[in-house]
Amino acid sequence: MITSLFRKSTPLNYSIVIIAVVFFFFVYEIKHVSGDNSTLHLASKAILLGIIFGSFFLVNFIVKKNGLSKDSAYTVLFYLIFMLFFPSVWNNGTLILSNFFILMSMRRLLSLHSLKSTKEKIFDASLWVFLAALFHFWSILFIILVFISILFHAARDYRNWFLPFIAFFGVAVIFALTAIVFEKPWIGNLLHQAVADVNFNYFTNNYQNLALSIYATIGLFFVASLLLTISNRPLILHASYKKIISAFFIGIAVLVVSTNKSNDLLIFSFAPLAMMATSHIEIAQIKWQKEIALAAVILCGIFAFFLQL
């Protein structure tokens, strides 16, 4: 029943997702109300919700534009569910904005298979990654995905390999000049983040540990499913799926090396995992297996959300 509802992109299933996003966003905000009802505070929350909606739009656009979905709404549904696993991410504006820029980068990289405007896409993708790094430094690891994409599609032209460095120089100069002109401590704050820390001692309660364990299990399941079935998929999409798998593991690496760790950092893995989950649901032949997989993920996400409020 659930798979049938989201099997096709319709105004109904998108409305369900939109209503659910608003519901869970306000449930979290009500539970963690700060007492600040100023216009500025309310405006910041409205902007944050707008960026979240923008992320959903981008994820949906990426899979539709690149033929990674059979015109279903599964990807936005899975993206919503994965956000439920770690409720505090709904209020983490810097990570949401950084992830939005990474999605902008992925949009350009996954379209490289068309071999149109290759240099512009590589430069734009690099630019978005470096902009994302200004809000969370270790999202800079996604520059690896840029070089992987160059290797897959544009390795013969040596000039393509220099484009990410040009983008880095442009962002670095503008960022440094802006920080100096406005006398902001942005450079020092960014350098403070640029320290690797692989210690995992950030859990404050068992509920966070449980949510992470469930998410990791789901992630391994969908990664394994895609790896085992990738040979059965259209050859033209193989490079795209490999980039999605790479993006997922880069998202995990961001958590591993970041200082001030929290499960919120897994936000960078949500979109790639949602795409892999969609791929699994759409390729599964037996309907009851699809229903069980989807229902289990939904129930786990809702359970983890309310458990951690």
C-alpha atoms as a PDB file:
ATOM      1  CA  MET A   1       0.000   0.000   0.000  1.00  0.00           C
ATOM      2  CA  ILE A   2       2.753   2.478   0.953  1.00  0.00           C
ATOM      3  CA  THR A   3       4.819   1.578  -2.109  1.00  0.00           C
ATOM      4  CA  SER A   4       1.782   2.035  -4.346  1.00  0.00           C
ATOM      5  CA  LEU A   5       1.122   5.498  -2.910  1.00  0.00           C
ATOM      6  CA  PHE A   6       4.642   6.770  -3.623  1.00  0.00           C
ATOM      7  CA  ARG A   7       5.265   4.761  -6.792  1.00  0.00           C
ATOM      8  CA  LYS A   8       4.345   7.741  -8.982  1.00  0.00           C
ATOM      9  CA  SER A   9       5.076  11.431  -8.506  1.00  0.00           C
ATOM     10  CA  THR A  10       1.724  13.050  -7.800  1.00  0.00           C
ATOM     11  CA  PRO A  11       0.614  16.198  -5.978  1.00  0.00           C
ATOM     12  CA  LEU A  12      -0.833  13.938  -3.261  1.00  0.00           C
ATOM     13  CA  ASN A  13       2.369  12.195  -2.222  1.00  0.00           C
ATOM     14  CA  TYR A  14       4.389  15.406  -2.425  1.00  0.00           C
ATOM     15  CA  SER A  15       1.754  17.094  -0.257  1.00  0.00           C
ATOM     16  CA  ILE A  16       2.122  14.282   2.282  1.00  0.00           C
ATOM     17  CA  VAL A  17       5.879  14.809   2.430  1.00  0.00           C
ATOM     18  CA  ILE A  18       5.525  18.605   2.731  1.00  0.00           C
ATOM     19  CA  ILE A  19       2.979  18.296   5.541  1.00  0.00           C
ATOM     20  CA  ALA A  20       5.192  15.741   7.290  1.00  0.00           C
ATOM     21  CA  VAL A  21       8.238  18.044   7.048  1.00  0.00           C
ATOM     22  CA  VAL A  22       6.291  20.933   8.576  1.00  0.00           C
ATOM     23  CA  PHE A  23       4.850  18.662  11.277  1.00  0.00           C
ATOM     24  CA  PHE A  24       8.159  17.178  12.417  1.00  0.00           C
ATOM     25  CA  PHE A  25       9.921  20.540  12.185  1.00  0.00           C
ATOM     26  CA  PHE A  26       7.392  22.192  14.496  1.00  0.00           C
ATOM     27  CA  VAL A  27       7.235  19.182  16.829  1.00  0.00           C
ATOM     28  CA  TYR A  28      10.975  19.521  17.359  1.00  0.00           C
ATOM     29  CA  GLU A  29      10.786  23.317  17.719  1.00  0.00           C
ATOM     30  CA  ILE A  30       7.930  23.102  20.236  1.00  0.00           C
ATOM     31  CA  LYS A  31       9.796  20.504  22.266  1.00  0.00           C
ATOM     32  CA  HIS A  32      12.942  22.657  22.305  1.00  0.00           C
ATOM     33  CA  VAL A  33      11.347  26.087  22.494  1.00  0.00           C
ATOM     34  CA  SER A  34      13.823  28.759  23.587  1.00  0.00           C
ATOM     35  CA  GLY A  35      11.333  31.403  24.644  1.00  0.00           C
ATOM     36  CA  ASP A  36      12.722  33.821  22.064  1.00  0.00           C
ATOM     37  CA  ASN A  37       9.763  35.085  20.016  1.00  0.00           C
ATOM     38  CA  SER A  38      11.538  38.020  18.414  1.00  0.00           C
ATOM     39  CA  THR A  39      10.932  38.779  14.758  1.00  0.00           C
ATOM     40  CA  LEU A  40      14.558  37.961  13.950  1.00  0.00           C
ATOM     41  CA  HIS A  41      14.323  34.556  15.647  1.00  0.00           C
ATOM     42  CA  LEU A  42      11.087  33.660  13.852  1.00  0.00           C
ATOM     43  CA  ALA A  43      12.526  34.840  10.544  1.00  0.00           C
ATOM     44  CA  SER A  44      15.612  32.652  11.039  1.00  0.00           C
ATOM     45  CA  LYS A  45      13.372  29.628  11.656  1.00  0.00           C
ATOM     46  CA  ALA A  46      11.360  30.402   8.523  1.00  0.00           C
ATOM     47  CA  ILE A  47      14.573  30.651   6.492  1.00  0.00           C
ATOM     48  CA  LEU A  48      15.819  27.378   7.974  1.00  0.00           C
ATOM     49  CA  LEU A  49      12.574  25.637   7.004  1.00  0.00           C
ATOM     50  CA  GLY A  50      12.884  27.149   3.531  1.00  0.00           C
ATOM     51  CA  ILE A  51      16.406  25.712   3.126  1.00  0.00           C
ATOM     52  CA  ILE A  52      15.135  22.305   4.270  1.00  0.00           C
ATOM     53  CA  PHE A  53      12.415  22.451   1.602  1.00  0.00           C
ATOM     54  CA  GLY A  54      15.071  23.530  -0.896  1.00  0.00           C
ATOM     55  CA  SER A  55      17.105  20.434  -0.013  1.00  0.00           C
ATOM     56  CA  PHE A  56      14.092  18.212  -0.661  1.00  0.00           C
ATOM     57  CA  PHE A  57      13.525  19.914  -4.005  1.00  0.00           C
ATOM     58  CA  LEU A  58      17.181  19.420  -4.974  1.00  0.00           C
ATOM     59  CA  VAL A  59      17.211  15.732  -4.046  1.00  0.00           C
ATOM     60  CA  ASN A  60      14.065  15.168  -6.096  1.00  0.00           C
ATOM     61  CA  PHE A  61      15.444  17.189  -9.021  1.00  0.00           C
ATOM     62  CA  ILE A  62      18.725  15.235  -9.049  1.00  0.00           C
ATOM     63  CA  VAL A  63      17.118  11.789  -9.322  1.00  0.00           C
ATOM     64  CA  LYS A  64      14.542  12.884 -11.897  1.00  0.00           C
ATOM     65  CA  LYS A  65      16.943  14.863 -14.087  1.00  0.00           C
ATOM     66  CA  ASN A  66      19.530  12.064 -14.197  1.00  0.00           C
ATOM     67  CA  GLY A  67      17.161   9.132 -14.670  1.00  0.00           C
ATOM     68  CA  LEU A  68      17.913   7.647 -11.250  1.00  0.00           C
ATOM     69  CA  SER A  69      14.224   7.208 -10.411  1.00  0.00           C
ATOM     70  CA  LYS A  70      11.258   5.807 -12.316  1.00  0.00           C
ATOM     71  CA  ASP A  71       9.234   8.970 -11.714  1.00  0.00           C
ATOM     72  CA  SER A  72       8.487   7.968  -8.115  1.00  0.00           C
ATOM     73  CA  ALA A  73       8.436   9.988  -4.890  1.00  0.00           C
ATOM     74  CA  TYR A  74      10.434   7.452  -2.907  1.00  0.00           C
ATOM     75  CA  THR A  75      13.598   9.572  -2.763  1.00  0.00           C
ATOM     76  CA  VAL A  76      12.022  12.534  -0.962  1.00  0.00           C
ATOM     77  CA  LEU A  77      10.219  10.113   1.349  1.00  0.00           C
ATOM     78  CA  PHE A  78      13.447   8.345   2.295  1.00  0.00           C
ATOM     79  CA  TYR A  79      15.244  11.677   2.697  1.00  0.00           C
ATOM     80  CA  LEU A  80      12.567  12.730   5.187  1.00  0.00           C
ATOM     81  CA  ILE A  81      12.800   9.432   7.079  1.00  0.00           C
ATOM     82  CA  PHE A  82      16.578   9.655   7.412  1.00  0.00           C
ATOM     83  CA  MET A  83      16.261  13.179   8.816  1.00  0.00           C
ATOM     84  CA  LEU A  84      13.961  11.725  11.495  1.00  0.00           C
ATOM     85  CA  PHE A  85      16.699   9.440  12.784  1.00  0.00           C
ATOM     86  CA  PHE A  86      18.595  12.401  14.229  1.00  0.00           C
ATOM     87  CA  PRO A  87      16.058  15.076  15.320  1.00  0.00           C
ATOM     88  CA  SER A  88      18.589  17.705  16.384  1.00  0.00           C
ATOM     89  CA  VAL A  89      19.627  18.129  12.748  1.00  0.00           C
ATOM     90  CA  TRP A  90      16.328  19.985  12.180  1.00  0.00           C
ATOM     91  CA  ASN A  91      17.711  22.882  14.213  1.00  0.00           C
ATOM     92  CA  ASN A  92      21.313  22.831  12.984  1.00  0.00           C
ATOM     93  CA  GLY A  93      21.325  25.680  10.492  1.00  0.00           C
ATOM     94  CA  THR A  94      25.017  25.537   9.560  1.00  0.00           C
ATOM     95  CA  LEU A  95      24.887  21.840   8.708  1.00  0.00           C
ATOM     96  CA  ILE A  96      21.633  22.202   6.775  1.00  0.00           C
ATOM     97  CA  LEU A  97      23.122  25.048   4.736  1.00  0.00           C
ATOM     98  CA  SER A  98      26.396  23.211   4.178  1.00  0.00           C
ATOM     99  CA  ASN A  99      24.504  20.108   3.052  1.00  0.00           C
ATOM    100  CA  PHE A 100      22.385  22.251   0.705  1.00  0.00           C
ATOM    101  CA  PHE A 101      25.566  23.417  -1.042  1.00  0.00           C
ATOM    102  CA  ILE A 102      26.822  19.818  -1.270  1.00  0.00           C
ATOM    103  CA  LEU A 103      23.532  18.869  -2.944  1.00  0.00           C
ATOM    104  CA  MET A 104      24.081  21.711  -5.410  1.00  0.00           C
ATOM    105  CA  SER A 105      27.503  20.231  -6.124  1.00  0.00           C
ATOM    106  CA  MET A 106      26.081  16.725  -6.586  1.00  0.00           C
ATOM    107  CA  ARG A 107      23.495  18.114  -8.995  1.00  0.00           C
ATOM    108  CA  ARG A 108      26.305  19.261 -11.281  1.00  0.00           C
ATOM    109  CA  LEU A 109      28.481  16.177 -10.854  1.00  0.00           C
ATOM    110  CA  LEU A 110      25.735  13.647 -11.567  1.00  0.00           C
ATOM    111  CA  SER A 111      24.876  15.466 -14.791  1.00  0.00           C
ATOM    112  CA  LEU A 112      28.433  15.133 -16.129  1.00  0.00           C
ATOM    113  CA  HIS A 113      27.485  11.936 -17.967  1.00  0.00           C
ATOM    114  CA  SER A 114      25.863  14.108 -20.657  1.00  0.00           C
ATOM    115  CA  LEU A 115      29.346  15.497 -21.484  1.00  0.00           C
ATOM    116  CA  LYS A 116      27.792  18.929 -22.052  1.00  0.00           C
ATOM    117  CA  SER A 117      29.395  22.040 -20.475  1.00  0.00           C
ATOM    118  CA  THR A 118      31.856  19.777 -18.700  1.00  0.00           C
ATOM    119  CA  LYS A 119      34.227  22.484 -17.533  1.00  0.00           C
ATOM    120  CA  GLU A 120      31.416  24.683 -16.219  1.00  0.00           C
ATOM    121  CA  LYS A 121      29.957  21.788 -14.258  1.00  0.00           C
ATOM    122  CA  ILE A 122      33.296  20.816 -12.720  1.00  0.00           C
ATOM    123  CA  PHE A 123      34.016  24.404 -11.720  1.00  0.00           C
ATOM    124  CA  ASP A 124      30.502  24.946 -10.313  1.00  0.00           C
ATOM    125  CA  ALA A 125      30.597  21.672  -8.374  1.00  0.00           C
ATOM    126  CA  SER A 126      33.973  22.596  -6.857  1.00  0.00           C
ATOM    127  CA  LEU A 127      32.717  26.070  -5.993  1.00  0.00           C
ATOM    128  CA  TRP A 128      29.697  24.653  -4.144  1.00  0.00           C
ATOM    129  CA  VAL A 129      31.922  22.263  -2.168  1.00  0.00           C
ATOM    130  CA  PHE A 130      34.200  25.066  -1.005  1.00  0.00           C
ATOM    131  CA  LEU A 131      31.194  27.215  -0.085  1.00  0.00           C
ATOM    132  CA  ALA A 132      29.852  24.278   1.952  1.00  0.00           C
ATOM    133  CA  ALA A 133      33.208  24.040   3.722  1.00  0.00           C
ATOM    134  CA  LEU A 134      32.797  27.618   4.987  1.00  0.00           C
ATOM    135  CA  PHE A 135      29.876  26.398   7.112  1.00  0.00           C
ATOM    136  CA  HIS A 136      31.299  23.001   8.051  1.00  0.00           C
ATOM    137  CA  PHE A 137      34.956  22.637   7.188  1.00  0.00           C
ATOM    138  CA  TRP A 138      35.148  18.874   6.718  1.00  0.00           C
ATOM    139  CA  SER A 139      32.470  18.885   4.045  1.00  0.00           C
ATOM    140  CA  ILE A 140      35.488  19.848   1.939  1.00  0.00           C
ATOM    141  CA  LEU A 141      36.063  16.090   1.633  1.00  0.00           C
ATOM    142  CA  PHE A 142      33.417  16.109  -1.088  1.00  0.00           C
ATOM    143  CA  ILE A 143      36.053  17.599  -3.376  1.00  0.00           C
ATOM    144  CA  ILE A 144      37.118  13.951  -3.672  1.00  0.00           C
ATOM    145  CA  LEU A 145      33.805  13.326  -5.433  1.00  0.00           C
ATOM    146  CA  VAL A 146      34.683  16.072  -7.922  1.00  0.00           C
ATOM    147  CA  PHE A 147      37.946  14.330  -8.822  1.00  0.00           C
ATOM    148  CA  ILE A 148      36.174  10.948  -9.015  1.00  0.00           C
ATOM    149  CA  SER A 149      33.701  12.490 -11.463  1.00  0.00           C
ATOM    150  CA  ILE A 150      36.536  13.956 -13.541  1.00  0.00           C
ATOM    151  CA  LEU A 151      38.126  10.503 -13.637  1.00  0.00           C
ATOM    152  CA  PHE A 152      34.889   8.941 -14.877  1.00  0.00           C
ATOM    153  CA  HIS A 153      33.960  11.508 -17.507  1.00  0.00           C
ATOM    154  CA  ALA A 154      36.637  14.075 -18.329  1.00  0.00           C
ATOM    155  CA  ALA A 155      40.070  12.722 -17.430  1.00  0.00           C
ATOM    156  CA  ARG A 156      41.588  13.158 -20.892  1.00  0.00           C
ATOM    157  CA  ASP A 157      41.537  16.957 -20.788  1.00  0.00           C
ATOM    158  CA  TYR A 158      44.252  17.883 -18.292  1.00  0.00           C
ATOM    159  CA  ARG A 159      42.705  21.338 -17.794  1.00  0.00           C
ATOM    160  CA  ASN A 160      39.747  19.802 -15.973  1.00  0.00           C
ATOM    161  CA  TRP A 161      42.036  18.682 -13.143  1.00  0.00           C
ATOM    162  CA  PHE A 162      43.011  22.305 -12.400  1.00  0.00           C
ATOM    163  CA  LEU A 163      39.470  23.691 -12.220  1.00  0.00           C
ATOM    164  CA  PRO A 164      38.859  22.679  -8.559  1.00  0.00           C
ATOM    165  CA  PHE A 165      42.039  24.533  -7.549  1.00  0.00           C
ATOM    166  CA  ILE A 166      40.882  27.656  -9.381  1.00  0.00           C
ATOM    167  CA  ALA A 167      37.519  27.444  -7.584  1.00  0.00           C
ATOM    168  CA  PHE A 168      39.328  27.021  -4.248  1.00  0.00           C
ATOM    169  CA  PHE A 169      41.485  30.078  -4.880  1.00  0.00           C
ATOM    170  CA  GLY A 170      38.447  32.187  -5.804  1.00  0.00           C
ATOM    171  CA  VAL A 171      36.437  31.209  -2.718  1.00  0.00           C
ATOM    172  CA  ALA A 172      39.458  31.554  -0.397  1.00  0.00           C
ATOM    173  CA  VAL A 173      40.334  35.069  -1.619  1.00  0.00           C
ATOM    174  CA  ILE A 174      36.753  36.370  -1.416  1.00  0.00           C
ATOM    175  CA  PHE A 175      36.236  34.772   2.007  1.00  0.00           C
ATOM    176  CA  ALA A 176      39.475  36.183   3.409  1.00  0.00           C
ATOM    177  CA  LEU A 177      38.840  39.687   2.044  1.00  0.00           C
ATOM    178  CA  THR A 178      35.286  39.707   3.399  1.00  0.00           C
ATOM    179  CA  ALA A 179      36.463  38.586   6.844  1.00  0.00           C
ATOM    180  CA  ILE A 180      39.157  41.285   6.914  1.00  0.00           C
ATOM    181  CA  VAL A 181      36.925  44.106   5.659  1.00  0.00           C
ATOM    182  CA  PHE A 182      34.141  43.360   8.156  1.00  0.00           C
ATOM    183  CA  GLU A 183      36.649  42.475  10.914  1.00  0.00           C
ATOM    184  CA  LYS A 184      35.045  39.117  11.598  1.00  0.00           C
ATOM    185  CA  PRO A 185      36.820  36.145  13.256  1.00  0.00           C
ATOM    186  CA  TRP A 186      35.663  33.819  10.475  1.00  0.00           C
ATOM    187  CA  ILE A 187      39.150  32.740   9.410  1.00  0.00           C
ATOM    188  CA  GLY A 188      40.124  31.712  12.933  1.00  0.00           C
ATOM    189  CA  ASN A 189      36.843  29.875  13.435  1.00  0.00           C
ATOM    190  CA  LEU A 190      37.325  27.955  10.204  1.00  0.00           C
ATOM    191  CA  LEU A 191      40.897  27.026  11.054  1.00  0.00           C
ATOM    192  CA  HIS A 192      39.676  25.822  14.453  1.00  0.00           C
ATOM    193  CA  GLN A 193      37.371  23.366  12.646  1.00  0.00           C
ATOM    194  CA  ALA A 194      40.191  22.210  10.364  1.00  0.00           C
ATOM    195  CA  VAL A 195      41.435  19.664  12.878  1.00  0.00           C
ATOM    196  CA  ALA A 196      40.798  15.961  12.455  1.00  0.00           C
ATOM    197  CA  ASP A 197      39.408  14.089  15.445  1.00  0.00           C
ATOM    198  CA  VAL A 198      38.645  10.374  15.100  1.00  0.00           C
ATOM    199  CA  ASN A 199      37.590   9.789  18.710  1.00  0.00           C
ATOM    200  CA  PHE A 200      34.020   8.519  19.141  1.00  0.00           C
ATOM    201  CA  ASN A 201      33.038   9.549  22.642  1.00  0.00           C
ATOM    202  CA  TYR A 202      30.289  12.045  21.839  1.00  0.00           C
ATOM    203  CA  PHE A 203      27.220  10.006  22.774  1.00  0.00           C
ATOM    204  CA  THR A 204      25.190  11.613  25.552  1.00  0.00           C
ATOM    205  CA  ASN A 205      22.551   8.881  25.848  1.00  0.00           C
ATOM    206  CA  ASN A 206      21.752   5.360  24.699  1.00  0.00           C
ATOM    207  CA  TYR A 207      18.996   6.602  22.382  1.00  0.00           C
ATOM    208  CA  GLN A 208      21.558   8.321  20.151  1.00  0.00           C
ATOM    209  CA  ASN A 209      23.605   5.129  20.053  1.00  0.00           C
ATOM    210  CA  LEU A 210      20.516   3.092  19.131  1.00  0.00           C
ATOM    211  CA  ALA A 211      19.512   5.510  16.359  1.00  0.00           C
ATOM    212  CA  LEU A 212      23.032   5.421  14.927  1.00  0.00           C
ATOM    213  CA  SER A 213      23.092   1.613  15.029  1.00  0.00           C
ATOM    214  CA  ILE A 214      19.770   1.333  13.192  1.00  0.00           C
ATOM    215  CA  TYR A 215      20.828   3.929  10.622  1.00  0.00           C
ATOM    216  CA  ALA A 216      24.141   2.141  10.042  1.00  0.00           C
ATOM    217  CA  THR A 217      22.329  -1.177   9.533  1.00  0.00           C
ATOM    218  CA  ILE A 218      19.939   0.388   7.020  1.00  0.00           C
ATOM    219  CA  GLY A 219      22.845   2.071   5.255  1.00  0.00           C
ATOM    220  CA  LEU A 220      24.811  -1.171   4.904  1.00  0.00           C
ATOM    221  CA  PHE A 221      21.716  -2.968   3.611  1.00  0.00           C
ATOM    222  CA  PHE A 222      21.024  -0.480   0.817  1.00  0.00           C
ATOM    223  CA  VAL A 223      24.709  -0.133  -0.123  1.00  0.00           C
ATOM    224  CA  ALA A 224      25.019  -3.927  -0.375  1.00  0.00           C
ATOM    225  CA  SER A 225      21.797  -4.091  -2.412  1.00  0.00           C
ATOM    226  CA  LEU A 226      23.092  -1.569  -4.939  1.00  0.00           C
ATOM    227  CA  LEU A 227      26.529  -3.177  -5.198  1.00  0.00           C
ATOM    228  CA  LEU A 228      25.001  -6.609  -5.820  1.00  0.00           C
ATOM    229  CA  THR A 229      22.553  -5.397  -8.466  1.00  0.00           C
ATOM    230  CA  ILE A 230      24.521  -2.663 -10.230  1.00  0.00           C
ATOM    231  CA  SER A 231      25.455  -5.010 -13.093  1.00  0.00           C
ATOM    232  CA  ASN A 232      21.739  -5.441 -13.867  1.00  0.00           C
ATOM    233  CA  ARG A 233      21.171  -1.723 -14.288  1.00  0.00           C
ATOM    234  CA  PRO A 234      21.553   0.365 -17.471  1.00  0.00           C
ATOM    235  CA  LEU A 235      25.213   0.789 -18.347  1.00  0.00           C
ATOM    236  CA  ILE A 236      24.786   4.559 -18.767  1.00  0.00           C
ATOM    237  CA  LEU A 237      23.881   4.840 -15.047  1.00  0.00           C
ATOM    238  CA  HIS A 238      26.799   2.810 -13.665  1.00  0.00           C
ATOM    239  CA  ALA A 239      29.047   5.854 -13.212  1.00  0.00           C
ATOM    240  CA  SER A 240      26.202   7.753 -11.504  1.00  0.00           C
ATOM    241  CA  TYR A 241      25.577   4.931  -9.040  1.00  0.00           C
ATOM    242  CA  LYS A 242      29.294   4.670  -8.286  1.00  0.00           C
ATOM    243  CA  LYS A 243      29.350   8.403  -7.545  1.00  0.00           C
ATOM    244  CA  ILE A 244      26.343   8.024  -5.257  1.00  0.00           C
ATOM    245  CA  ILE A 245      28.047   5.214  -3.331  1.00  0.00           C
ATOM    246  CA  SER A 246      31.209   7.337  -3.098  1.00  0.00           C
ATOM    247  CA  ALA A 247      29.174  10.303  -1.853  1.00  0.00           C
ATOM    248  CA  PHE A 248      27.635   8.150   0.879  1.00  0.00           C
ATOM    249  CA  PHE A 249      31.008   7.017   2.203  1.00  0.00           C
ATOM    250  CA  ILE A 250      32.426  10.541   1.962  1.00  0.00           C
ATOM    251  CA  GLY A 251      29.439  11.654   4.064  1.00  0.00           C
ATOM    252  CA  ILE A 252      30.385   9.029   6.655  1.00  0.00           C
ATOM    253  CA  ALA A 253      34.011  10.201   6.522  1.00  0.00           C
ATOM    254  CA  VAL A 254      32.873  13.747   7.377  1.00  0.00           C
ATOM    255  CA  LEU A 255      31.512  12.407  10.670  1.00  0.00           C
ATOM    256  CA  VAL A 256      34.638  10.339  11.330  1.00  0.00           C
ATOM    257  CA  VAL A 257      37.132  13.204  11.018  1.00  0.00           C
ATOM    258  CA  SER A 258      35.079  16.145  12.323  1.00  0.00           C
ATOM    259  CA  THR A 259      35.645  17.762  15.682  1.00  0.00           C
ATOM    260  CA  ASN A 260      32.612  18.394  17.907  1.00  0.00           C
ATOM    261  CA  LYS A 261      31.036  15.183  16.672  1.00  0.00           C
ATOM    262  CA  SER A 262      27.305  14.545  16.665  1.00  0.00           C
ATOM    263  CA  ASN A 263      24.969  12.299  14.727  1.00  0.00           C
ATOM    264  CA  ASP A 264      23.793  15.445  12.921  1.00  0.00           C
ATOM    265  CA  LEU A 265      26.917  15.221  10.764  1.00  0.00           C
ATOM    266  CA  LEU A 266      25.413  12.216   9.011  1.00  0.00           C
ATOM    267  CA  ILE A 267      23.188  14.673   7.135  1.00  0.00           C
ATOM    268  CA  PHE A 268      25.759  14.558   4.333  1.00  0.00           C
ATOM    269  CA  SER A 269      24.951  10.872   3.795  1.00  0.00           C
ATOM    270  CA  PHE A 270      21.145  11.266   3.745  1.00  0.00           C
ATOM    271  CA  ALA A 271      20.729  12.137   0.062  1.00  0.00           C
ATOM    272  CA  PRO A 272      23.016   9.401  -1.342  1.00  0.00           C
ATOM    273  CA  LEU A 273      21.383   6.823   0.925  1.00  0.00           C
ATOM    274  CA  ALA A 274      17.898   8.001  -0.094  1.00  0.00           C
ATOM    275  CA  MET A 275      18.889   7.515  -3.743  1.00  0.00           C
ATOM    276  CA  MET A 276      20.207   4.014  -3.040  1.00  0.00           C
ATOM    277  CA  ALA A 277      17.076   3.139  -1.050  1.00  0.00           C
ATOM    278  CA  THR A 278      14.911   4.322  -3.957  1.00  0.00           C
ATOM    279  CA  SER A 279      16.939   2.168  -6.321  1.00  0.00           C
ATOM    280  CA  HIS A 280      16.367  -0.883  -4.110  1.00  0.00           C
ATOM    281  CA  ILE A 281      12.621  -0.343  -3.822  1.00  0.00           C
ATOM    282  CA  GLU A 282      12.168   0.249  -7.539  1.00  0.00           C
ATOM    283  CA  ILE A 283      14.177  -2.788  -8.642  1.00  0.00           C
ATOM    284  CA  ALA A 284      12.680  -5.256  -6.137  1.00  0.00           C
ATOM    285  CA  GLN A 285      10.396  -7.723  -7.891  1.00  0.00           C
ATOM    286  CA  ILE A 286       8.321  -9.063  -5.004  1.00  0.00           C
ATOM    287  CA  LYS A 287       5.809  -6.510  -3.737  1.00  0.00           C
ATOM    288  CA  TRP A 288       5.624  -7.711  -0.130  1.00  0.00           C
ATOM    289  CA  GLN A 289       9.405  -7.397   0.192  1.00  0.00           C
ATOM    290  CA  LYS A 290       9.203  -3.765  -0.933  1.00  0.00           C
ATOM    291  CA  GLU A 291       6.354  -3.105   1.493  1.00  0.00           C
ATOM    292  CA  ILE A 292       8.257  -4.614   4.426  1.00  0.00           C
ATOM    293  CA  ALA A 293      11.477  -2.748   3.624  1.00  0.00           C
ATOM    294  CA  LEU A 294       9.714   0.602   3.284  1.00  0.00           C
ATOM    295  CA  ALA A 295       7.459   0.127   6.317  1.00  0.00           C
ATOM    296  CA  ALA A 296      10.414  -0.967   8.474  1.00  0.00           C
ATOM    297  CA  VAL A 297      12.454   2.115   7.565  1.00  0.00           C
ATOM    298  CA  ILE A 298       9.491   4.445   8.203  1.00  0.00           C
ATOM    299  CA  LEU A 299       8.727   2.889  11.592  1.00  0.00           C
ATOM    300  CA  CYS A 300      12.396   2.984  12.629  1.00  0.00           C
ATOM    301  CA  GLY A 301      12.687   6.648  11.629  1.00  0.00           C
ATOM    302  CA  ILE A 302       9.541   7.725  13.527  1.00  0.00           C
ATOM    303  CA  PHE A 303      10.557   5.625  16.538  1.00  0.00           C
ATOM    304  CA  ALA A 304      14.054   7.169  16.606  1.00  0.00           C
ATOM    305  CA  PHE A 305      12.640  10.703  16.239  1.00  0.00           C
ATOM    306  CA  PHE A 306      10.265  10.555  19.188  1.00  0.00           C
ATOM    307  CA  LEU A 307      12.707   8.550  21.287  1.00  0.00           C
ATOM    308  CA  GLN A 308      15.275  11.356  21.114  1.00  0.00           C
ATOM    309  CA  LEU A 309      12.990  14.370  21.590  1.00  0.00           C
END
